[in-house]
Amino acid sequence: MKQFFATLLLIIGASMVSAQTADAPATAQEKPECTLTVAQLPGIAGLRLGMTIEQVLALFPGSSKEQEIVSAISDAPSRLGAVNITIKPERYESKAKFAGISNIFFAFLDGRLFRFIVGYNGVEWKNVDEFITKFSSENGLPAVEAWEARVGMETQMKTLKCAGVDVTLFASTGGAVNHANITDTATEQTLKERRAKAQEKSTQ
């Protein structure tokens, strides 16, 4: 679990700074453009951006009664409307639907899912391109040519930037957990702005 959260923080941090990183020199052939919107993005592991908390928890029978989850939901007003939940599918009777998935991190704003990070185990990829090829084929996403490498982590992390949606894949080494981070970037920005305003207010 510690390894999962450490990698999760790495992926979230890398996603946040990628927009601030200077673009690499242009290649002779520009990358294909992804025009998928939040509404058009295919479901991944049965999950879609914009789902309500209730819809997500319904996929894991009994999860809505767990104390940690109940507390996270009740704390939403004090967290600017944000709710973060981590679920281990193997603990629920629906686990067969999430075969090969270790953990899923969910981030909601105002009751709607705007980010989820799926942790996959059991496969050791030579590089992130192999992971992208399989992931894109299974989920109806553009091929590897449309993905942008994370500077300094070219063989491990790449992002598909679409119309308001970022999909980042991280291929770990040594057979550890691989991750897919799907984010509604507009809602993420809304949360950032709320936090900035709250911080500004607290210092006045």
N, C-alpha and C. Protein backbone atom coordinates (compact mmCIF):
# COMPACT_ATOMS: atom_id res chain seq x y z
N MET A 1 0.83 -1.21 0.00
CA MET A 1 0.00 0.00 0.00
C MET A 1 0.86 1.26 0.00
N LYS A 2 1.98 1.25 0.77
CA LYS A 2 2.87 2.41 0.80
C LYS A 2 3.45 2.67 -0.58
N GLN A 3 3.80 1.58 -1.28
CA GLN A 3 4.36 1.72 -2.62
C GLN A 3 3.32 2.33 -3.56
N PHE A 4 2.05 1.91 -3.40
CA PHE A 4 0.97 2.45 -4.24
C PHE A 4 0.84 3.95 -4.06
N PHE A 5 0.81 4.41 -2.81
CA PHE A 5 0.64 5.84 -2.56
C PHE A 5 1.87 6.64 -3.00
N ALA A 6 3.05 6.07 -2.86
CA ALA A 6 4.25 6.77 -3.31
C ALA A 6 4.21 6.97 -4.82
N THR A 7 3.83 5.93 -5.54
CA THR A 7 3.74 6.04 -7.00
C THR A 7 2.61 6.96 -7.40
N LEU A 8 1.50 6.90 -6.66
CA LEU A 8 0.36 7.76 -6.94
C LEU A 8 0.76 9.23 -6.84
N LEU A 9 1.48 9.58 -5.80
CA LEU A 9 1.93 10.97 -5.64
C LEU A 9 2.87 11.36 -6.76
N LEU A 10 3.71 10.43 -7.19
CA LEU A 10 4.62 10.70 -8.30
C LEU A 10 3.84 11.01 -9.57
N ILE A 11 2.80 10.21 -9.85
CA ILE A 11 2.02 10.39 -11.07
C ILE A 11 1.25 11.71 -11.03
N ILE A 12 0.60 12.00 -9.90
CA ILE A 12 -0.15 13.24 -9.78
C ILE A 12 0.77 14.43 -9.91
N GLY A 13 1.92 14.38 -9.23
CA GLY A 13 2.88 15.49 -9.30
C GLY A 13 3.39 15.69 -10.71
N ALA A 14 3.71 14.60 -11.39
CA ALA A 14 4.22 14.70 -12.76
C ALA A 14 3.16 15.26 -13.68
N SER A 15 1.90 14.89 -13.46
CA SER A 15 0.82 15.39 -14.31
C SER A 15 0.63 16.89 -14.11
N MET A 16 0.78 17.34 -12.89
CA MET A 16 0.57 18.75 -12.59
C MET A 16 1.66 19.63 -13.17
N VAL A 17 2.90 19.13 -13.18
CA VAL A 17 4.01 19.97 -13.67
C VAL A 17 4.23 19.82 -15.16
N SER A 18 3.63 18.81 -15.77
CA SER A 18 3.88 18.59 -17.20
C SER A 18 3.43 19.77 -18.04
N ALA A 19 2.35 20.42 -17.62
CA ALA A 19 1.85 21.57 -18.38
C ALA A 19 2.78 22.76 -18.24
N GLN A 20 3.65 22.75 -17.21
CA GLN A 20 4.55 23.86 -16.98
C GLN A 20 5.93 23.60 -17.56
N THR A 21 6.14 22.39 -18.07
CA THR A 21 7.45 22.01 -18.61
C THR A 21 7.56 22.43 -20.06
N ALA A 22 8.69 23.00 -20.44
CA ALA A 22 8.88 23.43 -21.83
C ALA A 22 8.79 22.24 -22.75
N ASP A 23 8.18 22.46 -23.92
CA ASP A 23 8.02 21.40 -24.90
C ASP A 23 9.38 20.98 -25.45
N ALA A 24 9.51 19.71 -25.75
CA ALA A 24 10.74 19.22 -26.36
C ALA A 24 10.80 19.73 -27.79
N PRO A 25 12.00 19.77 -28.39
CA PRO A 25 12.12 20.23 -29.76
C PRO A 25 11.19 19.48 -30.69
N ALA A 26 10.58 20.20 -31.64
CA ALA A 26 9.62 19.59 -32.54
C ALA A 26 10.29 18.55 -33.43
N THR A 27 9.59 17.47 -33.67
CA THR A 27 10.10 16.43 -34.55
C THR A 27 9.61 16.71 -35.96
N ALA A 28 10.14 15.94 -36.89
CA ALA A 28 9.77 16.16 -38.29
C ALA A 28 8.29 15.92 -38.51
N GLN A 29 7.69 15.04 -37.72
CA GLN A 29 6.27 14.73 -37.88
C GLN A 29 5.55 15.03 -36.57
N GLU A 30 4.55 15.89 -36.63
CA GLU A 30 3.82 16.26 -35.42
C GLU A 30 2.98 15.10 -34.93
N LYS A 31 2.75 15.07 -33.60
CA LYS A 31 1.96 14.01 -33.02
C LYS A 31 0.50 14.15 -33.43
N PRO A 32 -0.20 13.02 -33.65
CA PRO A 32 -1.63 13.08 -33.95
C PRO A 32 -2.37 13.76 -32.80
N GLU A 33 -3.42 14.48 -33.11
CA GLU A 33 -4.17 15.20 -32.09
C GLU A 33 -5.31 14.32 -31.56
N CYS A 34 -5.48 14.34 -30.24
CA CYS A 34 -6.59 13.62 -29.61
C CYS A 34 -7.70 14.62 -29.32
N THR A 35 -8.88 14.40 -29.86
CA THR A 35 -10.00 15.33 -29.70
C THR A 35 -11.08 14.81 -28.75
N LEU A 36 -10.80 13.70 -28.07
CA LEU A 36 -11.78 13.13 -27.15
C LEU A 36 -12.08 14.10 -26.00
N THR A 37 -13.36 14.25 -25.69
CA THR A 37 -13.78 15.07 -24.55
C THR A 37 -14.08 14.17 -23.36
N VAL A 38 -14.41 14.79 -22.23
CA VAL A 38 -14.78 14.01 -21.04
C VAL A 38 -15.94 13.08 -21.36
N ALA A 39 -16.92 13.59 -22.08
CA ALA A 39 -18.11 12.80 -22.40
C ALA A 39 -17.81 11.67 -23.39
N GLN A 40 -16.81 11.87 -24.25
CA GLN A 40 -16.50 10.89 -25.29
C GLN A 40 -15.47 9.85 -24.86
N LEU A 41 -14.74 10.12 -23.78
CA LEU A 41 -13.70 9.20 -23.34
C LEU A 41 -14.32 7.84 -23.00
N PRO A 42 -13.79 6.75 -23.57
CA PRO A 42 -14.34 5.42 -23.27
C PRO A 42 -14.23 5.08 -21.79
N GLY A 43 -15.12 4.24 -21.31
CA GLY A 43 -15.04 3.79 -19.94
C GLY A 43 -13.80 2.94 -19.74
N ILE A 44 -13.15 3.09 -18.63
CA ILE A 44 -11.93 2.34 -18.32
C ILE A 44 -12.15 1.56 -17.04
N ALA A 45 -12.07 0.25 -17.14
CA ALA A 45 -12.35 -0.63 -16.00
C ALA A 45 -13.75 -0.38 -15.45
N GLY A 46 -14.68 -0.02 -16.34
CA GLY A 46 -16.05 0.24 -15.94
C GLY A 46 -16.27 1.60 -15.31
N LEU A 47 -15.24 2.44 -15.37
CA LEU A 47 -15.29 3.76 -14.73
C LEU A 47 -15.29 4.86 -15.78
N ARG A 48 -16.01 5.94 -15.49
CA ARG A 48 -16.06 7.09 -16.39
C ARG A 48 -15.97 8.37 -15.59
N LEU A 49 -15.27 9.35 -16.12
CA LEU A 49 -15.24 10.66 -15.49
C LEU A 49 -16.66 11.21 -15.44
N GLY A 50 -16.97 11.91 -14.34
CA GLY A 50 -18.30 12.48 -14.20
C GLY A 50 -19.27 11.62 -13.41
N MET A 51 -18.87 10.39 -13.11
CA MET A 51 -19.73 9.51 -12.30
C MET A 51 -19.92 10.13 -10.91
N THR A 52 -21.06 9.86 -10.30
CA THR A 52 -21.29 10.33 -8.94
C THR A 52 -20.60 9.39 -7.95
N ILE A 53 -20.45 9.86 -6.73
CA ILE A 53 -19.86 9.01 -5.69
C ILE A 53 -20.70 7.74 -5.53
N GLU A 54 -22.02 7.91 -5.56
CA GLU A 54 -22.92 6.76 -5.38
C GLU A 54 -22.74 5.74 -6.50
N GLN A 55 -22.58 6.22 -7.73
CA GLN A 55 -22.39 5.31 -8.87
C GLN A 55 -21.08 4.53 -8.75
N VAL A 56 -20.04 5.20 -8.30
CA VAL A 56 -18.75 4.52 -8.14
C VAL A 56 -18.81 3.48 -7.03
N LEU A 57 -19.34 3.87 -5.89
CA LEU A 57 -19.39 2.94 -4.75
C LEU A 57 -20.30 1.75 -5.03
N ALA A 58 -21.29 1.94 -5.89
CA ALA A 58 -22.19 0.84 -6.23
C ALA A 58 -21.45 -0.29 -6.96
N LEU A 59 -20.30 0.03 -7.56
CA LEU A 59 -19.50 -0.98 -8.23
C LEU A 59 -18.77 -1.88 -7.25
N PHE A 60 -18.73 -1.45 -5.98
CA PHE A 60 -18.04 -2.18 -4.92
C PHE A 60 -19.02 -2.37 -3.76
N PRO A 61 -19.90 -3.35 -3.86
CA PRO A 61 -20.96 -3.56 -2.86
C PRO A 61 -20.45 -3.57 -1.42
N GLY A 62 -21.07 -2.73 -0.60
CA GLY A 62 -20.70 -2.64 0.81
C GLY A 62 -19.72 -1.53 1.10
N SER A 63 -19.09 -0.96 0.09
CA SER A 63 -18.08 0.07 0.32
C SER A 63 -18.68 1.35 0.90
N SER A 64 -19.93 1.64 0.58
CA SER A 64 -20.55 2.88 1.04
C SER A 64 -20.76 2.91 2.55
N LYS A 65 -20.63 1.75 3.21
CA LYS A 65 -20.83 1.68 4.65
C LYS A 65 -19.52 1.67 5.43
N GLU A 66 -18.40 1.65 4.72
CA GLU A 66 -17.12 1.62 5.41
C GLU A 66 -16.82 2.98 6.03
N GLN A 67 -16.32 2.96 7.27
CA GLN A 67 -16.15 4.17 8.04
C GLN A 67 -15.23 5.18 7.36
N GLU A 68 -14.13 4.71 6.80
CA GLU A 68 -13.19 5.64 6.15
C GLU A 68 -13.85 6.38 4.99
N ILE A 69 -14.66 5.67 4.24
CA ILE A 69 -15.33 6.28 3.09
C ILE A 69 -16.43 7.22 3.56
N VAL A 70 -17.19 6.81 4.55
CA VAL A 70 -18.24 7.67 5.11
C VAL A 70 -17.64 8.97 5.63
N SER A 71 -16.50 8.86 6.32
CA SER A 71 -15.83 10.05 6.88
C SER A 71 -15.32 10.96 5.76
N ALA A 72 -14.75 10.37 4.71
CA ALA A 72 -14.23 11.17 3.60
C ALA A 72 -15.35 11.97 2.94
N ILE A 73 -16.50 11.35 2.76
CA ILE A 73 -17.63 12.03 2.13
C ILE A 73 -18.17 13.14 3.02
N SER A 74 -18.25 12.87 4.32
CA SER A 74 -18.80 13.87 5.24
C SER A 74 -17.86 15.06 5.40
N ASP A 75 -16.57 14.87 5.10
CA ASP A 75 -15.59 15.96 5.23
C ASP A 75 -15.54 16.86 4.00
N ALA A 76 -16.30 16.54 2.97
CA ALA A 76 -16.24 17.28 1.70
C ALA A 76 -16.39 18.79 1.86
N PRO A 77 -17.37 19.28 2.65
CA PRO A 77 -17.52 20.73 2.78
C PRO A 77 -16.27 21.42 3.32
N SER A 78 -15.56 20.77 4.22
CA SER A 78 -14.35 21.36 4.78
C SER A 78 -13.16 21.21 3.87
N ARG A 79 -13.32 20.44 2.80
CA ARG A 79 -12.24 20.21 1.84
C ARG A 79 -12.57 20.84 0.49
N LEU A 80 -13.32 21.92 0.52
CA LEU A 80 -13.68 22.67 -0.70
C LEU A 80 -14.48 21.83 -1.68
N GLY A 81 -15.22 20.87 -1.14
CA GLY A 81 -16.05 20.02 -1.99
C GLY A 81 -15.33 18.81 -2.55
N ALA A 82 -14.07 18.61 -2.14
CA ALA A 82 -13.27 17.50 -2.68
C ALA A 82 -13.35 16.27 -1.78
N VAL A 83 -13.42 15.12 -2.40
CA VAL A 83 -13.43 13.84 -1.69
C VAL A 83 -12.43 12.91 -2.36
N ASN A 84 -11.54 12.31 -1.57
CA ASN A 84 -10.57 11.34 -2.08
C ASN A 84 -10.81 9.98 -1.42
N ILE A 85 -10.89 8.96 -2.23
CA ILE A 85 -11.17 7.61 -1.74
C ILE A 85 -10.24 6.62 -2.45
N THR A 86 -9.71 5.66 -1.70
CA THR A 86 -8.93 4.58 -2.30
C THR A 86 -9.62 3.25 -2.02
N ILE A 87 -9.79 2.45 -3.06
CA ILE A 87 -10.48 1.18 -2.93
C ILE A 87 -9.61 0.04 -3.46
N LYS A 88 -9.61 -1.07 -2.76
CA LYS A 88 -8.94 -2.29 -3.20
C LYS A 88 -10.03 -3.25 -3.68
N PRO A 89 -10.21 -3.43 -4.97
CA PRO A 89 -11.30 -4.25 -5.50
C PRO A 89 -11.36 -5.66 -4.94
N GLU A 90 -10.22 -6.24 -4.60
CA GLU A 90 -10.20 -7.63 -4.13
C GLU A 90 -11.00 -7.84 -2.85
N ARG A 91 -11.36 -6.76 -2.18
CA ARG A 91 -12.10 -6.87 -0.93
C ARG A 91 -13.60 -7.02 -1.15
N TYR A 92 -14.05 -6.90 -2.38
CA TYR A 92 -15.49 -6.88 -2.64
C TYR A 92 -15.91 -8.02 -3.56
N GLU A 93 -17.19 -8.36 -3.50
CA GLU A 93 -17.70 -9.49 -4.27
C GLU A 93 -17.65 -9.24 -5.77
N SER A 94 -17.47 -7.99 -6.17
CA SER A 94 -17.38 -7.65 -7.59
C SER A 94 -15.95 -7.73 -8.12
N LYS A 95 -15.04 -8.32 -7.34
CA LYS A 95 -13.62 -8.30 -7.68
C LYS A 95 -13.30 -8.92 -9.04
N ALA A 96 -14.12 -9.85 -9.49
CA ALA A 96 -13.86 -10.49 -10.78
C ALA A 96 -13.91 -9.49 -11.93
N LYS A 97 -14.70 -8.43 -11.77
CA LYS A 97 -14.81 -7.40 -12.80
C LYS A 97 -13.56 -6.53 -12.88
N PHE A 98 -12.73 -6.61 -11.83
CA PHE A 98 -11.53 -5.77 -11.76
C PHE A 98 -10.27 -6.63 -11.66
N ALA A 99 -10.29 -7.74 -12.36
CA ALA A 99 -9.16 -8.66 -12.33
C ALA A 99 -7.88 -7.95 -12.80
N GLY A 100 -6.79 -8.16 -12.07
CA GLY A 100 -5.52 -7.55 -12.41
C GLY A 100 -5.34 -6.15 -11.87
N ILE A 101 -6.35 -5.64 -11.15
CA ILE A 101 -6.28 -4.29 -10.58
C ILE A 101 -6.02 -4.38 -9.09
N SER A 102 -5.00 -3.71 -8.61
CA SER A 102 -4.62 -3.74 -7.21
C SER A 102 -5.38 -2.70 -6.38
N ASN A 103 -5.30 -1.45 -6.82
CA ASN A 103 -5.92 -0.35 -6.10
C ASN A 103 -6.50 0.65 -7.10
N ILE A 104 -7.51 1.39 -6.66
CA ILE A 104 -8.04 2.49 -7.46
C ILE A 104 -8.21 3.71 -6.55
N PHE A 105 -7.58 4.80 -6.94
CA PHE A 105 -7.72 6.07 -6.22
C PHE A 105 -8.76 6.91 -6.96
N PHE A 106 -9.74 7.44 -6.21
CA PHE A 106 -10.80 8.26 -6.79
C PHE A 106 -10.75 9.66 -6.21
N ALA A 107 -10.86 10.67 -7.05
CA ALA A 107 -10.94 12.06 -6.61
C ALA A 107 -12.22 12.67 -7.17
N PHE A 108 -13.06 13.17 -6.27
CA PHE A 108 -14.33 13.78 -6.65
C PHE A 108 -14.33 15.26 -6.30
N LEU A 109 -15.07 16.04 -7.06
CA LEU A 109 -15.31 17.44 -6.71
C LEU A 109 -16.79 17.69 -6.87
N ASP A 110 -17.41 18.18 -5.80
CA ASP A 110 -18.86 18.41 -5.79
C ASP A 110 -19.62 17.14 -6.17
N GLY A 111 -19.11 16.01 -5.70
CA GLY A 111 -19.80 14.75 -5.89
C GLY A 111 -19.59 14.07 -7.22
N ARG A 112 -18.73 14.62 -8.08
CA ARG A 112 -18.50 14.04 -9.40
C ARG A 112 -17.03 13.62 -9.55
N LEU A 113 -16.82 12.48 -10.18
CA LEU A 113 -15.48 11.94 -10.36
C LEU A 113 -14.72 12.75 -11.40
N PHE A 114 -13.58 13.33 -11.00
CA PHE A 114 -12.78 14.09 -11.96
C PHE A 114 -11.38 13.49 -12.16
N ARG A 115 -11.01 12.55 -11.33
CA ARG A 115 -9.74 11.83 -11.53
C ARG A 115 -9.84 10.45 -10.92
N PHE A 116 -9.30 9.46 -11.63
CA PHE A 116 -9.12 8.16 -11.00
C PHE A 116 -7.82 7.56 -11.49
N ILE A 117 -7.13 6.89 -10.58
CA ILE A 117 -5.84 6.28 -10.87
C ILE A 117 -5.96 4.79 -10.61
N VAL A 118 -5.80 4.01 -11.67
CA VAL A 118 -5.96 2.57 -11.57
C VAL A 118 -4.59 1.92 -11.48
N GLY A 119 -4.39 1.11 -10.45
CA GLY A 119 -3.13 0.39 -10.28
C GLY A 119 -3.26 -1.04 -10.78
N TYR A 120 -2.47 -1.38 -11.80
CA TYR A 120 -2.48 -2.73 -12.37
C TYR A 120 -1.26 -3.50 -11.89
N ASN A 121 -1.44 -4.78 -11.61
CA ASN A 121 -0.29 -5.60 -11.21
C ASN A 121 -0.19 -6.84 -12.07
N GLY A 122 0.89 -7.56 -11.90
CA GLY A 122 1.04 -8.83 -12.57
C GLY A 122 1.71 -8.80 -13.93
N VAL A 123 2.07 -7.62 -14.44
CA VAL A 123 2.72 -7.53 -15.75
C VAL A 123 3.96 -6.66 -15.63
N GLU A 124 5.06 -7.12 -16.20
CA GLU A 124 6.29 -6.32 -16.24
C GLU A 124 6.53 -5.91 -17.69
N TRP A 125 6.37 -4.61 -17.98
CA TRP A 125 6.55 -4.10 -19.32
C TRP A 125 8.01 -3.72 -19.55
N LYS A 126 8.48 -3.88 -20.79
CA LYS A 126 9.83 -3.45 -21.12
C LYS A 126 9.92 -1.92 -21.09
N ASN A 127 8.85 -1.28 -21.48
CA ASN A 127 8.78 0.18 -21.47
C ASN A 127 7.32 0.60 -21.51
N VAL A 128 7.06 1.88 -21.36
CA VAL A 128 5.69 2.37 -21.30
C VAL A 128 4.97 2.21 -22.64
N ASP A 129 5.71 2.19 -23.75
CA ASP A 129 5.07 2.03 -25.06
C ASP A 129 4.33 0.71 -25.16
N GLU A 130 4.89 -0.35 -24.58
CA GLU A 130 4.19 -1.64 -24.58
C GLU A 130 2.89 -1.54 -23.80
N PHE A 131 2.95 -0.87 -22.66
CA PHE A 131 1.76 -0.68 -21.83
C PHE A 131 0.71 0.13 -22.60
N ILE A 132 1.14 1.20 -23.27
CA ILE A 132 0.22 2.05 -24.03
C ILE A 132 -0.46 1.26 -25.15
N THR A 133 0.31 0.45 -25.85
CA THR A 133 -0.24 -0.33 -26.97
C THR A 133 -1.39 -1.21 -26.52
N LYS A 134 -1.20 -1.92 -25.41
CA LYS A 134 -2.26 -2.81 -24.90
C LYS A 134 -3.42 -1.99 -24.33
N PHE A 135 -3.10 -0.98 -23.54
CA PHE A 135 -4.12 -0.16 -22.89
C PHE A 135 -4.99 0.55 -23.93
N SER A 136 -4.37 1.12 -24.95
CA SER A 136 -5.12 1.84 -25.97
C SER A 136 -6.00 0.91 -26.79
N SER A 137 -5.47 -0.27 -27.10
CA SER A 137 -6.24 -1.25 -27.85
C SER A 137 -7.48 -1.70 -27.09
N GLU A 138 -7.33 -1.92 -25.79
CA GLU A 138 -8.44 -2.39 -24.97
C GLU A 138 -9.47 -1.31 -24.68
N ASN A 139 -9.04 -0.04 -24.70
CA ASN A 139 -9.94 1.04 -24.29
C ASN A 139 -10.29 2.03 -25.41
N GLY A 140 -9.95 1.71 -26.63
CA GLY A 140 -10.32 2.54 -27.75
C GLY A 140 -9.67 3.91 -27.77
N LEU A 141 -8.40 3.97 -27.39
CA LEU A 141 -7.66 5.23 -27.35
C LEU A 141 -6.62 5.27 -28.48
N PRO A 142 -6.13 6.48 -28.82
CA PRO A 142 -5.13 6.60 -29.89
C PRO A 142 -3.86 5.80 -29.60
N ALA A 143 -3.16 5.45 -30.68
CA ALA A 143 -1.93 4.66 -30.58
C ALA A 143 -0.81 5.47 -29.94
N VAL A 144 0.30 4.80 -29.69
CA VAL A 144 1.41 5.37 -28.94
C VAL A 144 1.96 6.65 -29.57
N GLU A 145 1.84 6.81 -30.88
CA GLU A 145 2.36 8.00 -31.55
C GLU A 145 1.72 9.29 -31.06
N ALA A 146 0.53 9.20 -30.48
CA ALA A 146 -0.19 10.39 -30.02
C ALA A 146 0.16 10.78 -28.58
N TRP A 147 0.96 9.97 -27.91
CA TRP A 147 1.28 10.19 -26.51
C TRP A 147 2.57 10.97 -26.35
N GLU A 148 2.63 11.81 -25.31
CA GLU A 148 3.80 12.64 -25.05
C GLU A 148 4.58 12.09 -23.86
N ALA A 149 5.89 11.99 -24.02
CA ALA A 149 6.73 11.46 -22.96
C ALA A 149 6.96 12.49 -21.87
N ARG A 150 7.06 12.03 -20.65
CA ARG A 150 7.42 12.86 -19.52
C ARG A 150 8.94 13.05 -19.55
N VAL A 151 9.39 14.30 -19.58
CA VAL A 151 10.82 14.58 -19.67
C VAL A 151 11.57 13.92 -18.50
N GLY A 152 12.59 13.16 -18.84
CA GLY A 152 13.38 12.47 -17.84
C GLY A 152 12.85 11.09 -17.49
N MET A 153 11.63 10.77 -17.97
CA MET A 153 11.03 9.46 -17.69
C MET A 153 10.43 8.89 -18.97
N GLU A 154 11.13 9.09 -20.08
CA GLU A 154 10.61 8.76 -21.40
C GLU A 154 10.22 7.29 -21.55
N THR A 155 10.91 6.39 -20.87
CA THR A 155 10.60 4.97 -21.02
C THR A 155 9.57 4.48 -20.02
N GLN A 156 9.17 5.35 -19.07
CA GLN A 156 8.24 4.93 -18.03
C GLN A 156 6.90 5.65 -18.02
N MET A 157 6.86 6.91 -18.46
CA MET A 157 5.64 7.68 -18.32
C MET A 157 5.33 8.51 -19.56
N LYS A 158 4.11 8.37 -20.06
CA LYS A 158 3.65 9.17 -21.19
C LYS A 158 2.20 9.59 -20.97
N THR A 159 1.84 10.73 -21.58
CA THR A 159 0.51 11.28 -21.40
C THR A 159 -0.17 11.52 -22.75
N LEU A 160 -1.45 11.16 -22.79
CA LEU A 160 -2.30 11.46 -23.94
C LEU A 160 -3.14 12.67 -23.56
N LYS A 161 -2.90 13.79 -24.25
CA LYS A 161 -3.63 15.02 -23.94
C LYS A 161 -4.76 15.20 -24.94
N CYS A 162 -5.97 15.17 -24.44
CA CYS A 162 -7.15 15.30 -25.30
C CYS A 162 -7.85 16.62 -25.01
N ALA A 163 -9.10 16.74 -25.39
CA ALA A 163 -9.85 17.99 -25.22
C ALA A 163 -10.45 18.06 -23.82
N GLY A 164 -9.61 18.43 -22.85
CA GLY A 164 -10.08 18.53 -21.48
C GLY A 164 -9.85 17.28 -20.67
N VAL A 165 -9.13 16.31 -21.25
CA VAL A 165 -8.85 15.05 -20.56
C VAL A 165 -7.38 14.69 -20.75
N ASP A 166 -6.71 14.32 -19.67
CA ASP A 166 -5.35 13.79 -19.74
C ASP A 166 -5.38 12.33 -19.28
N VAL A 167 -4.71 11.47 -20.04
CA VAL A 167 -4.56 10.06 -19.64
C VAL A 167 -3.06 9.81 -19.55
N THR A 168 -2.57 9.50 -18.35
CA THR A 168 -1.15 9.25 -18.15
C THR A 168 -0.92 7.80 -17.74
N LEU A 169 0.00 7.14 -18.42
CA LEU A 169 0.35 5.77 -18.06
C LEU A 169 1.76 5.73 -17.50
N PHE A 170 1.93 4.96 -16.44
CA PHE A 170 3.22 4.79 -15.79
C PHE A 170 3.55 3.30 -15.76
N ALA A 171 4.64 2.93 -16.38
CA ALA A 171 5.07 1.53 -16.38
C ALA A 171 6.23 1.39 -15.41
N SER A 172 5.99 0.69 -14.33
CA SER A 172 7.03 0.53 -13.31
C SER A 172 8.02 -0.54 -13.74
N THR A 173 9.13 -0.58 -13.06
CA THR A 173 10.14 -1.59 -13.35
C THR A 173 10.13 -2.64 -12.24
N GLY A 174 10.64 -3.81 -12.55
CA GLY A 174 10.72 -4.86 -11.54
C GLY A 174 9.41 -5.55 -11.25
N GLY A 175 8.41 -5.38 -12.12
CA GLY A 175 7.15 -6.09 -11.94
C GLY A 175 6.25 -5.50 -10.87
N ALA A 176 6.50 -4.27 -10.46
CA ALA A 176 5.63 -3.63 -9.46
C ALA A 176 4.35 -3.15 -10.15
N VAL A 177 3.56 -2.37 -9.44
CA VAL A 177 2.26 -1.93 -9.96
C VAL A 177 2.42 -0.87 -11.04
N ASN A 178 1.70 -1.05 -12.16
CA ASN A 178 1.62 -0.06 -13.23
C ASN A 178 0.36 0.77 -13.03
N HIS A 179 0.38 2.02 -13.48
CA HIS A 179 -0.74 2.90 -13.20
C HIS A 179 -1.28 3.63 -14.43
N ALA A 180 -2.59 3.86 -14.41
CA ALA A 180 -3.25 4.69 -15.42
C ALA A 180 -3.95 5.81 -14.67
N ASN A 181 -3.62 7.05 -15.01
CA ASN A 181 -4.19 8.23 -14.36
C ASN A 181 -5.07 8.97 -15.36
N ILE A 182 -6.37 9.03 -15.10
CA ILE A 182 -7.32 9.68 -15.99
C ILE A 182 -7.87 10.91 -15.30
N THR A 183 -7.71 12.08 -15.91
CA THR A 183 -8.05 13.34 -15.24
C THR A 183 -8.87 14.28 -16.12
N ASP A 184 -9.94 14.82 -15.56
CA ASP A 184 -10.71 15.91 -16.17
C ASP A 184 -9.97 17.19 -15.80
N THR A 185 -9.23 17.75 -16.75
CA THR A 185 -8.34 18.86 -16.44
C THR A 185 -9.07 20.15 -16.11
N ALA A 186 -10.26 20.36 -16.65
CA ALA A 186 -11.03 21.57 -16.34
C ALA A 186 -11.47 21.56 -14.88
N THR A 187 -11.96 20.41 -14.41
CA THR A 187 -12.39 20.31 -13.02
C THR A 187 -11.20 20.37 -12.09
N GLU A 188 -10.09 19.79 -12.50
CA GLU A 188 -8.86 19.88 -11.71
C GLU A 188 -8.46 21.34 -11.52
N GLN A 189 -8.58 22.13 -12.58
CA GLN A 189 -8.25 23.55 -12.51
C GLN A 189 -9.20 24.28 -11.57
N THR A 190 -10.48 23.91 -11.59
CA THR A 190 -11.45 24.51 -10.69
C THR A 190 -11.04 24.30 -9.23
N LEU A 191 -10.61 23.08 -8.92
CA LEU A 191 -10.19 22.78 -7.55
C LEU A 191 -8.94 23.58 -7.18
N LYS A 192 -8.00 23.70 -8.12
CA LYS A 192 -6.80 24.49 -7.87
C LYS A 192 -7.16 25.94 -7.55
N GLU A 193 -8.11 26.49 -8.29
CA GLU A 193 -8.52 27.88 -8.08
C GLU A 193 -9.19 28.04 -6.72
N ARG A 194 -10.00 27.07 -6.33
CA ARG A 194 -10.64 27.13 -5.01
C ARG A 194 -9.59 27.11 -3.90
N ARG A 195 -8.60 26.26 -4.06
CA ARG A 195 -7.55 26.17 -3.04
C ARG A 195 -6.75 27.47 -2.97
N ALA A 196 -6.49 28.06 -4.13
CA ALA A 196 -5.73 29.31 -4.16
C ALA A 196 -6.51 30.42 -3.47
N LYS A 197 -7.82 30.49 -3.72
CA LYS A 197 -8.65 31.51 -3.10
C LYS A 197 -8.74 31.28 -1.59
N ALA A 198 -8.84 30.03 -1.19
CA ALA A 198 -8.91 29.71 0.25
C ALA A 198 -7.60 30.10 0.94
N GLN A 199 -6.48 29.82 0.27
CA GLN A 199 -5.18 30.16 0.82
C GLN A 199 -5.03 31.67 0.93
N GLU A 200 -5.47 32.39 -0.10
CA GLU A 200 -5.39 33.84 -0.08
C GLU A 200 -6.24 34.42 1.05
N LYS A 201 -7.41 33.86 1.24
CA LYS A 201 -8.32 34.32 2.28
C LYS A 201 -7.74 34.08 3.67
N SER A 202 -7.07 32.94 3.82
CA SER A 202 -6.52 32.58 5.13
C SER A 202 -5.36 33.46 5.54
N THR A 203 -4.71 34.08 4.55
CA THR A 203 -3.55 34.93 4.86
C THR A 203 -3.92 36.41 5.00
N GLN A 204 -5.16 36.73 4.77
CA GLN A 204 -5.60 38.14 4.88
C GLN A 204 -5.82 38.53 6.34
